[in-house]
Amino acid sequence: MNTNIIIRELKKSDLNSAKQIIDENQMFPSEYLNEMVSGFLEQKTDELWFVSETKEKNVISIAYCSPERMTDGTWNLLLIAVSRKAQGQGVGSDLMEYIEQDLIIKKARILLVETSSLPNYELTRKFYPKCGYTQIAVIPEFFGKGDDKVVFWKSLKP
């Protein structure tokens, strides 16, 4: 764990930095973020939003996970992104570990992660096995023609 990084819940004041990270990683249109986090910020949802920040209070990563409906203890990581300047420094791995520990406290059993099969997601697909995830499924053409959904799985044991 990088001791120079602080991982905490997302705050409203983090939104501009989070949008920059989402934009530079081309995750989705960042203008969606305000609506996406509104329930969390108003404490009206079980969803979780986290950020990593430097000691200088610069937000360098964002993550979002949600419980899967109609399951017992299954969660889905729907977003993790690290600022380009902080990539390759263990920020993403530390954030994943933090999320997993938080979910274990919440009695989660498993965490699923879904990503794209497109070539520009190759590093992402290599990242999850390094964090202990197993690729369990590929759903053809899920996101669009030639863009499969790749699903990774991890058991969360206390």
N, C-alpha and C. Protein backbone atom coordinates (compact mmCIF):
# COMPACT_ATOMS: atom_id res chain seq x y z
N MET A 1 0.85 -1.19 0.00
CA MET A 1 0.00 0.00 0.00
C MET A 1 0.89 1.24 0.00
N ASN A 2 0.61 2.14 -0.90
CA ASN A 2 1.36 3.38 -1.02
C ASN A 2 0.96 4.33 0.11
N THR A 3 1.89 4.65 1.00
CA THR A 3 1.58 5.49 2.15
C THR A 3 1.46 6.97 1.79
N ASN A 4 1.81 7.33 0.56
CA ASN A 4 1.67 8.73 0.12
C ASN A 4 0.30 9.01 -0.48
N ILE A 5 -0.54 7.99 -0.56
CA ILE A 5 -1.86 8.11 -1.15
C ILE A 5 -2.93 7.87 -0.08
N ILE A 6 -3.96 8.67 -0.12
CA ILE A 6 -5.09 8.51 0.80
C ILE A 6 -6.29 8.07 -0.04
N ILE A 7 -6.95 7.00 0.38
CA ILE A 7 -8.17 6.53 -0.30
C ILE A 7 -9.33 6.85 0.62
N ARG A 8 -10.37 7.44 0.05
CA ARG A 8 -11.54 7.85 0.83
C ARG A 8 -12.76 7.91 -0.07
N GLU A 9 -13.91 8.11 0.57
CA GLU A 9 -15.14 8.27 -0.20
C GLU A 9 -15.11 9.57 -1.00
N LEU A 10 -15.72 9.54 -2.14
CA LEU A 10 -15.83 10.70 -3.00
C LEU A 10 -16.67 11.78 -2.33
N LYS A 11 -16.26 13.03 -2.50
CA LYS A 11 -17.02 14.20 -2.03
C LYS A 11 -17.41 15.05 -3.24
N LYS A 12 -18.39 15.89 -3.06
CA LYS A 12 -18.84 16.76 -4.15
C LYS A 12 -17.70 17.60 -4.69
N SER A 13 -16.80 18.02 -3.83
CA SER A 13 -15.68 18.86 -4.26
C SER A 13 -14.68 18.10 -5.15
N ASP A 14 -14.81 16.79 -5.23
CA ASP A 14 -13.92 15.97 -6.07
C ASP A 14 -14.39 15.87 -7.52
N LEU A 15 -15.59 16.32 -7.81
CA LEU A 15 -16.19 16.05 -9.12
C LEU A 15 -15.39 16.58 -10.30
N ASN A 16 -14.86 17.78 -10.23
CA ASN A 16 -14.11 18.31 -11.37
C ASN A 16 -12.87 17.47 -11.64
N SER A 17 -12.14 17.11 -10.60
CA SER A 17 -10.94 16.25 -10.78
C SER A 17 -11.34 14.89 -11.31
N ALA A 18 -12.43 14.34 -10.78
CA ALA A 18 -12.89 13.02 -11.23
C ALA A 18 -13.28 13.05 -12.71
N LYS A 19 -13.92 14.12 -13.12
CA LYS A 19 -14.30 14.26 -14.54
C LYS A 19 -13.07 14.32 -15.44
N GLN A 20 -12.03 14.99 -14.99
CA GLN A 20 -10.79 15.05 -15.78
C GLN A 20 -10.19 13.65 -15.95
N ILE A 21 -10.21 12.87 -14.89
CA ILE A 21 -9.67 11.50 -14.94
C ILE A 21 -10.50 10.65 -15.90
N ILE A 22 -11.82 10.78 -15.81
CA ILE A 22 -12.72 10.03 -16.69
C ILE A 22 -12.48 10.42 -18.15
N ASP A 23 -12.33 11.72 -18.39
CA ASP A 23 -12.10 12.20 -19.76
C ASP A 23 -10.76 11.71 -20.31
N GLU A 24 -9.70 11.81 -19.53
CA GLU A 24 -8.39 11.42 -20.07
C GLU A 24 -8.28 9.93 -20.28
N ASN A 25 -9.11 9.14 -19.60
CA ASN A 25 -9.15 7.69 -19.80
C ASN A 25 -10.26 7.27 -20.76
N GLN A 26 -11.01 8.22 -21.28
CA GLN A 26 -12.08 7.98 -22.24
C GLN A 26 -13.04 6.89 -21.76
N MET A 27 -13.50 7.04 -20.52
CA MET A 27 -14.39 6.05 -19.91
C MET A 27 -15.82 6.17 -20.44
N PHE A 28 -16.37 7.36 -20.31
CA PHE A 28 -17.73 7.68 -20.75
C PHE A 28 -17.82 9.21 -20.72
N PRO A 29 -18.87 9.80 -21.27
CA PRO A 29 -18.98 11.26 -21.20
C PRO A 29 -19.05 11.72 -19.74
N SER A 30 -18.07 12.51 -19.33
CA SER A 30 -17.96 12.89 -17.91
C SER A 30 -19.12 13.75 -17.42
N GLU A 31 -19.88 14.33 -18.35
CA GLU A 31 -21.03 15.13 -17.89
C GLU A 31 -22.09 14.26 -17.21
N TYR A 32 -22.00 12.93 -17.38
CA TYR A 32 -22.92 12.01 -16.71
C TYR A 32 -22.62 11.88 -15.22
N LEU A 33 -21.42 12.26 -14.80
CA LEU A 33 -20.97 11.97 -13.45
C LEU A 33 -21.84 12.61 -12.37
N ASN A 34 -22.24 13.86 -12.53
CA ASN A 34 -23.05 14.51 -11.50
C ASN A 34 -24.30 13.70 -11.17
N GLU A 35 -25.00 13.26 -12.21
CA GLU A 35 -26.21 12.48 -11.99
C GLU A 35 -25.87 11.10 -11.40
N MET A 36 -24.78 10.50 -11.87
CA MET A 36 -24.40 9.17 -11.40
C MET A 36 -24.11 9.16 -9.90
N VAL A 37 -23.49 10.21 -9.39
CA VAL A 37 -23.09 10.24 -7.97
C VAL A 37 -24.13 10.87 -7.05
N SER A 38 -25.18 11.43 -7.61
CA SER A 38 -26.14 12.19 -6.79
C SER A 38 -26.73 11.35 -5.66
N GLY A 39 -27.15 10.14 -5.93
CA GLY A 39 -27.71 9.29 -4.87
C GLY A 39 -26.71 8.99 -3.78
N PHE A 40 -25.46 8.76 -4.15
CA PHE A 40 -24.41 8.49 -3.18
C PHE A 40 -24.16 9.73 -2.30
N LEU A 41 -24.04 10.89 -2.93
CA LEU A 41 -23.77 12.10 -2.18
C LEU A 41 -24.92 12.47 -1.25
N GLU A 42 -26.13 12.09 -1.62
CA GLU A 42 -27.30 12.34 -0.78
C GLU A 42 -27.57 11.18 0.18
N GLN A 43 -26.70 10.18 0.19
CA GLN A 43 -26.80 8.99 1.04
C GLN A 43 -28.13 8.26 0.84
N LYS A 44 -28.52 8.12 -0.44
CA LYS A 44 -29.78 7.46 -0.78
C LYS A 44 -29.56 6.15 -1.53
N THR A 45 -28.34 5.59 -1.49
CA THR A 45 -28.04 4.40 -2.26
C THR A 45 -27.00 3.56 -1.54
N ASP A 46 -26.93 2.28 -1.92
CA ASP A 46 -25.89 1.39 -1.40
C ASP A 46 -24.62 1.46 -2.24
N GLU A 47 -24.65 2.18 -3.34
CA GLU A 47 -23.48 2.30 -4.20
C GLU A 47 -22.33 2.93 -3.44
N LEU A 48 -21.11 2.61 -3.89
CA LEU A 48 -19.91 3.15 -3.26
C LEU A 48 -19.08 3.89 -4.30
N TRP A 49 -18.59 5.04 -3.93
CA TRP A 49 -17.71 5.85 -4.76
C TRP A 49 -16.48 6.20 -3.95
N PHE A 50 -15.31 5.94 -4.50
CA PHE A 50 -14.05 6.22 -3.82
C PHE A 50 -13.13 7.03 -4.72
N VAL A 51 -12.23 7.76 -4.09
CA VAL A 51 -11.15 8.43 -4.81
C VAL A 51 -9.85 8.18 -4.06
N SER A 52 -8.75 8.31 -4.78
CA SER A 52 -7.42 8.35 -4.18
C SER A 52 -6.91 9.76 -4.36
N GLU A 53 -6.24 10.26 -3.33
CA GLU A 53 -5.65 11.58 -3.46
C GLU A 53 -4.24 11.58 -2.88
N THR A 54 -3.44 12.49 -3.39
CA THR A 54 -2.08 12.65 -2.89
C THR A 54 -2.13 13.44 -1.58
N LYS A 55 -1.00 13.49 -0.90
CA LYS A 55 -0.93 14.30 0.33
C LYS A 55 -1.20 15.77 0.05
N GLU A 56 -0.97 16.17 -1.20
CA GLU A 56 -1.24 17.56 -1.61
C GLU A 56 -2.72 17.77 -1.97
N LYS A 57 -3.53 16.75 -1.74
CA LYS A 57 -4.99 16.80 -1.97
C LYS A 57 -5.37 16.80 -3.45
N ASN A 58 -4.51 16.23 -4.31
CA ASN A 58 -4.84 16.09 -5.72
C ASN A 58 -5.49 14.73 -5.93
N VAL A 59 -6.71 14.71 -6.45
CA VAL A 59 -7.41 13.46 -6.73
C VAL A 59 -6.77 12.82 -7.96
N ILE A 60 -6.36 11.55 -7.81
CA ILE A 60 -5.66 10.87 -8.90
C ILE A 60 -6.35 9.59 -9.36
N SER A 61 -7.44 9.20 -8.69
CA SER A 61 -8.18 8.03 -9.18
C SER A 61 -9.61 8.10 -8.67
N ILE A 62 -10.46 7.32 -9.33
CA ILE A 62 -11.87 7.23 -8.95
C ILE A 62 -12.33 5.80 -9.19
N ALA A 63 -13.24 5.34 -8.32
CA ALA A 63 -13.82 4.01 -8.49
C ALA A 63 -15.28 4.04 -8.03
N TYR A 64 -16.05 3.14 -8.63
CA TYR A 64 -17.49 3.06 -8.34
C TYR A 64 -17.90 1.60 -8.37
N CYS A 65 -18.58 1.15 -7.33
CA CYS A 65 -19.12 -0.21 -7.33
C CYS A 65 -20.51 -0.22 -6.73
N SER A 66 -21.24 -1.25 -7.09
CA SER A 66 -22.65 -1.34 -6.71
C SER A 66 -23.01 -2.79 -6.43
N PRO A 67 -23.91 -3.00 -5.47
CA PRO A 67 -24.38 -4.37 -5.26
C PRO A 67 -25.22 -4.83 -6.45
N GLU A 68 -25.06 -6.10 -6.80
CA GLU A 68 -25.87 -6.68 -7.87
C GLU A 68 -27.26 -6.99 -7.30
N ARG A 69 -28.28 -6.55 -8.00
CA ARG A 69 -29.66 -6.84 -7.57
C ARG A 69 -29.91 -8.33 -7.61
N MET A 70 -30.77 -8.76 -6.72
CA MET A 70 -31.26 -10.14 -6.67
C MET A 70 -30.13 -11.16 -6.46
N THR A 71 -29.08 -10.75 -5.72
CA THR A 71 -28.00 -11.67 -5.37
C THR A 71 -27.71 -11.55 -3.89
N ASP A 72 -26.98 -12.52 -3.38
CA ASP A 72 -26.56 -12.51 -1.98
C ASP A 72 -25.07 -12.20 -1.92
N GLY A 73 -24.74 -10.93 -1.72
CA GLY A 73 -23.35 -10.54 -1.52
C GLY A 73 -22.52 -10.40 -2.77
N THR A 74 -23.13 -10.23 -3.93
CA THR A 74 -22.39 -10.02 -5.16
C THR A 74 -22.36 -8.53 -5.48
N TRP A 75 -21.17 -8.03 -5.78
CA TRP A 75 -20.97 -6.63 -6.13
C TRP A 75 -20.33 -6.56 -7.51
N ASN A 76 -20.52 -5.42 -8.17
CA ASN A 76 -19.95 -5.19 -9.49
C ASN A 76 -19.16 -3.89 -9.46
N LEU A 77 -17.88 -3.96 -9.83
CA LEU A 77 -17.08 -2.76 -9.99
C LEU A 77 -17.38 -2.20 -11.37
N LEU A 78 -17.96 -1.02 -11.41
CA LEU A 78 -18.43 -0.44 -12.67
C LEU A 78 -17.50 0.61 -13.23
N LEU A 79 -16.58 1.10 -12.41
CA LEU A 79 -15.65 2.12 -12.86
C LEU A 79 -14.41 2.11 -11.98
N ILE A 80 -13.27 2.10 -12.60
CA ILE A 80 -12.01 2.41 -11.91
C ILE A 80 -11.14 3.10 -12.95
N ALA A 81 -10.61 4.25 -12.59
CA ALA A 81 -9.76 5.00 -13.51
C ALA A 81 -8.71 5.75 -12.69
N VAL A 82 -7.50 5.75 -13.23
CA VAL A 82 -6.37 6.42 -12.59
C VAL A 82 -5.86 7.49 -13.54
N SER A 83 -5.54 8.64 -12.99
CA SER A 83 -4.96 9.72 -13.77
C SER A 83 -3.76 9.20 -14.54
N ARG A 84 -3.62 9.61 -15.78
CA ARG A 84 -2.52 9.13 -16.63
C ARG A 84 -1.17 9.33 -15.95
N LYS A 85 -0.97 10.47 -15.28
CA LYS A 85 0.33 10.75 -14.66
C LYS A 85 0.60 9.86 -13.45
N ALA A 86 -0.44 9.20 -12.92
CA ALA A 86 -0.26 8.33 -11.75
C ALA A 86 -0.32 6.85 -12.11
N GLN A 87 -0.54 6.52 -13.39
CA GLN A 87 -0.64 5.12 -13.78
C GLN A 87 0.72 4.44 -13.67
N GLY A 88 0.69 3.14 -13.35
CA GLY A 88 1.92 2.36 -13.23
C GLY A 88 2.63 2.53 -11.90
N GLN A 89 1.97 3.17 -10.93
CA GLN A 89 2.58 3.44 -9.63
C GLN A 89 1.87 2.69 -8.49
N GLY A 90 0.99 1.76 -8.84
CA GLY A 90 0.30 0.98 -7.83
C GLY A 90 -0.97 1.62 -7.30
N VAL A 91 -1.36 2.75 -7.84
CA VAL A 91 -2.57 3.45 -7.38
C VAL A 91 -3.81 2.59 -7.61
N GLY A 92 -3.94 2.02 -8.80
CA GLY A 92 -5.10 1.19 -9.12
C GLY A 92 -5.15 -0.07 -8.27
N SER A 93 -4.02 -0.72 -8.08
CA SER A 93 -3.97 -1.93 -7.25
C SER A 93 -4.34 -1.62 -5.80
N ASP A 94 -3.83 -0.51 -5.28
CA ASP A 94 -4.17 -0.12 -3.91
C ASP A 94 -5.66 0.19 -3.78
N LEU A 95 -6.21 0.85 -4.79
CA LEU A 95 -7.64 1.17 -4.78
C LEU A 95 -8.47 -0.11 -4.82
N MET A 96 -8.09 -1.05 -5.66
CA MET A 96 -8.81 -2.33 -5.72
C MET A 96 -8.77 -3.03 -4.36
N GLU A 97 -7.61 -3.08 -3.75
CA GLU A 97 -7.48 -3.73 -2.44
C GLU A 97 -8.35 -3.03 -1.39
N TYR A 98 -8.37 -1.72 -1.42
CA TYR A 98 -9.20 -0.95 -0.48
C TYR A 98 -10.68 -1.28 -0.67
N ILE A 99 -11.12 -1.29 -1.93
CA ILE A 99 -12.52 -1.61 -2.23
C ILE A 99 -12.87 -3.01 -1.73
N GLU A 100 -12.00 -3.96 -2.03
CA GLU A 100 -12.24 -5.35 -1.60
C GLU A 100 -12.37 -5.44 -0.08
N GLN A 101 -11.50 -4.77 0.66
CA GLN A 101 -11.56 -4.81 2.12
C GLN A 101 -12.84 -4.16 2.63
N ASP A 102 -13.25 -3.06 2.00
CA ASP A 102 -14.49 -2.40 2.39
C ASP A 102 -15.69 -3.32 2.13
N LEU A 103 -15.67 -4.01 1.00
CA LEU A 103 -16.77 -4.91 0.68
C LEU A 103 -16.80 -6.12 1.61
N ILE A 104 -15.65 -6.61 2.01
CA ILE A 104 -15.61 -7.72 2.97
C ILE A 104 -16.29 -7.31 4.28
N ILE A 105 -16.03 -6.10 4.73
CA ILE A 105 -16.68 -5.59 5.94
C ILE A 105 -18.19 -5.54 5.75
N LYS A 106 -18.63 -5.27 4.54
CA LYS A 106 -20.06 -5.21 4.21
C LYS A 106 -20.64 -6.58 3.89
N LYS A 107 -19.87 -7.64 4.14
CA LYS A 107 -20.30 -9.03 3.95
C LYS A 107 -20.48 -9.42 2.48
N ALA A 108 -19.76 -8.74 1.58
CA ALA A 108 -19.80 -9.14 0.18
C ALA A 108 -19.09 -10.47 0.02
N ARG A 109 -19.56 -11.29 -0.92
CA ARG A 109 -18.94 -12.59 -1.20
C ARG A 109 -18.03 -12.55 -2.41
N ILE A 110 -18.51 -11.86 -3.46
CA ILE A 110 -17.72 -11.81 -4.70
C ILE A 110 -17.79 -10.41 -5.31
N LEU A 111 -16.76 -10.12 -6.12
CA LEU A 111 -16.74 -8.87 -6.87
C LEU A 111 -16.53 -9.22 -8.34
N LEU A 112 -17.40 -8.68 -9.17
CA LEU A 112 -17.31 -8.84 -10.62
C LEU A 112 -16.79 -7.55 -11.24
N VAL A 113 -16.03 -7.70 -12.30
CA VAL A 113 -15.53 -6.55 -13.05
C VAL A 113 -15.76 -6.85 -14.52
N GLU A 114 -16.29 -5.89 -15.24
CA GLU A 114 -16.56 -6.06 -16.66
C GLU A 114 -15.79 -5.01 -17.44
N THR A 115 -15.26 -5.41 -18.58
CA THR A 115 -14.53 -4.47 -19.43
C THR A 115 -14.72 -4.86 -20.89
N SER A 116 -14.16 -4.06 -21.74
CA SER A 116 -14.29 -4.24 -23.18
C SER A 116 -13.17 -5.13 -23.74
N SER A 117 -13.47 -5.76 -24.87
CA SER A 117 -12.48 -6.58 -25.56
C SER A 117 -11.66 -5.78 -26.57
N LEU A 118 -11.97 -4.50 -26.73
CA LEU A 118 -11.26 -3.70 -27.73
C LEU A 118 -9.77 -3.59 -27.39
N PRO A 119 -8.93 -3.45 -28.40
CA PRO A 119 -7.48 -3.39 -28.18
C PRO A 119 -7.03 -2.32 -27.18
N ASN A 120 -7.69 -1.18 -27.14
CA ASN A 120 -7.26 -0.13 -26.22
C ASN A 120 -7.58 -0.46 -24.75
N TYR A 121 -8.24 -1.58 -24.48
CA TYR A 121 -8.49 -2.04 -23.11
C TYR A 121 -7.59 -3.21 -22.73
N GLU A 122 -6.56 -3.49 -23.54
CA GLU A 122 -5.68 -4.62 -23.27
C GLU A 122 -4.99 -4.50 -21.91
N LEU A 123 -4.49 -3.32 -21.58
CA LEU A 123 -3.83 -3.15 -20.28
C LEU A 123 -4.82 -3.35 -19.13
N THR A 124 -6.04 -2.93 -19.34
CA THR A 124 -7.09 -3.14 -18.34
C THR A 124 -7.32 -4.63 -18.12
N ARG A 125 -7.41 -5.38 -19.22
CA ARG A 125 -7.64 -6.83 -19.11
C ARG A 125 -6.46 -7.54 -18.46
N LYS A 126 -5.27 -7.00 -18.57
CA LYS A 126 -4.10 -7.58 -17.91
C LYS A 126 -4.04 -7.18 -16.43
N PHE A 127 -4.61 -6.05 -16.09
CA PHE A 127 -4.58 -5.53 -14.72
C PHE A 127 -5.35 -6.43 -13.75
N TYR A 128 -6.55 -6.85 -14.13
CA TYR A 128 -7.40 -7.60 -13.19
C TYR A 128 -6.79 -8.93 -12.75
N PRO A 129 -6.23 -9.74 -13.63
CA PRO A 129 -5.57 -10.96 -13.15
C PRO A 129 -4.42 -10.67 -12.16
N LYS A 130 -3.72 -9.55 -12.36
CA LYS A 130 -2.66 -9.17 -11.42
C LYS A 130 -3.23 -8.89 -10.03
N CYS A 131 -4.51 -8.53 -9.98
CA CYS A 131 -5.19 -8.26 -8.71
C CYS A 131 -5.91 -9.49 -8.17
N GLY A 132 -5.70 -10.65 -8.80
CA GLY A 132 -6.29 -11.89 -8.31
C GLY A 132 -7.62 -12.25 -8.92
N TYR A 133 -8.01 -11.60 -10.01
CA TYR A 133 -9.29 -11.87 -10.66
C TYR A 133 -9.12 -12.93 -11.75
N THR A 134 -10.16 -13.71 -11.93
CA THR A 134 -10.19 -14.76 -12.95
C THR A 134 -11.18 -14.35 -14.04
N GLN A 135 -10.75 -14.43 -15.29
CA GLN A 135 -11.69 -14.18 -16.39
C GLN A 135 -12.64 -15.35 -16.47
N ILE A 136 -13.94 -15.06 -16.39
CA ILE A 136 -14.92 -16.14 -16.37
C ILE A 136 -15.88 -16.14 -17.54
N ALA A 137 -15.93 -15.03 -18.28
CA ALA A 137 -16.90 -14.99 -19.38
C ALA A 137 -16.51 -13.95 -20.42
N VAL A 138 -16.95 -14.21 -21.63
CA VAL A 138 -16.89 -13.24 -22.71
C VAL A 138 -18.27 -13.26 -23.36
N ILE A 139 -18.89 -12.11 -23.41
CA ILE A 139 -20.21 -11.99 -24.03
C ILE A 139 -20.01 -11.28 -25.37
N PRO A 140 -20.15 -12.01 -26.47
CA PRO A 140 -19.88 -11.42 -27.79
C PRO A 140 -20.78 -10.23 -28.11
N GLU A 141 -20.16 -9.22 -28.74
CA GLU A 141 -20.89 -8.08 -29.30
C GLU A 141 -21.72 -7.32 -28.27
N PHE A 142 -21.40 -7.44 -26.98
CA PHE A 142 -22.21 -6.84 -25.92
C PHE A 142 -22.28 -5.31 -26.04
N PHE A 143 -21.12 -4.66 -26.17
CA PHE A 143 -21.09 -3.20 -26.20
C PHE A 143 -21.35 -2.65 -27.60
N GLY A 144 -21.16 -3.48 -28.61
CA GLY A 144 -21.36 -3.08 -29.99
C GLY A 144 -20.71 -4.10 -30.91
N LYS A 145 -20.86 -3.91 -32.18
CA LYS A 145 -20.28 -4.84 -33.16
C LYS A 145 -18.77 -4.92 -32.94
N GLY A 146 -18.28 -6.12 -32.70
CA GLY A 146 -16.85 -6.34 -32.50
C GLY A 146 -16.33 -5.94 -31.13
N ASP A 147 -17.22 -5.59 -30.22
CA ASP A 147 -16.82 -5.14 -28.87
C ASP A 147 -17.49 -6.02 -27.82
N ASP A 148 -16.78 -7.07 -27.43
CA ASP A 148 -17.30 -8.04 -26.46
C ASP A 148 -17.15 -7.51 -25.03
N LYS A 149 -18.00 -8.02 -24.14
CA LYS A 149 -17.85 -7.77 -22.72
C LYS A 149 -17.00 -8.90 -22.14
N VAL A 150 -15.93 -8.55 -21.41
CA VAL A 150 -15.07 -9.52 -20.75
C VAL A 150 -15.33 -9.39 -19.25
N VAL A 151 -15.68 -10.51 -18.61
CA VAL A 151 -16.07 -10.50 -17.20
C VAL A 151 -15.00 -11.20 -16.37
N PHE A 152 -14.60 -10.52 -15.28
CA PHE A 152 -13.65 -11.07 -14.32
C PHE A 152 -14.35 -11.26 -12.99
N TRP A 153 -13.87 -12.24 -12.19
CA TRP A 153 -14.51 -12.64 -10.93
C TRP A 153 -13.45 -12.81 -9.85
N LYS A 154 -13.82 -12.46 -8.62
CA LYS A 154 -12.95 -12.72 -7.48
C LYS A 154 -13.79 -13.01 -6.25
N SER A 155 -13.42 -14.05 -5.54
CA SER A 155 -14.07 -14.35 -4.26
C SER A 155 -13.47 -13.45 -3.20
N LEU A 156 -14.33 -12.85 -2.40
CA LEU A 156 -13.88 -11.98 -1.31
C LEU A 156 -13.99 -12.73 0.00
N LYS A 157 -12.85 -13.12 0.52
CA LYS A 157 -12.84 -13.87 1.79
C LYS A 157 -12.19 -13.01 2.86
N PRO A 158 -12.81 -12.95 4.03
CA PRO A 158 -12.21 -12.14 5.11
C PRO A 158 -10.85 -12.65 5.54
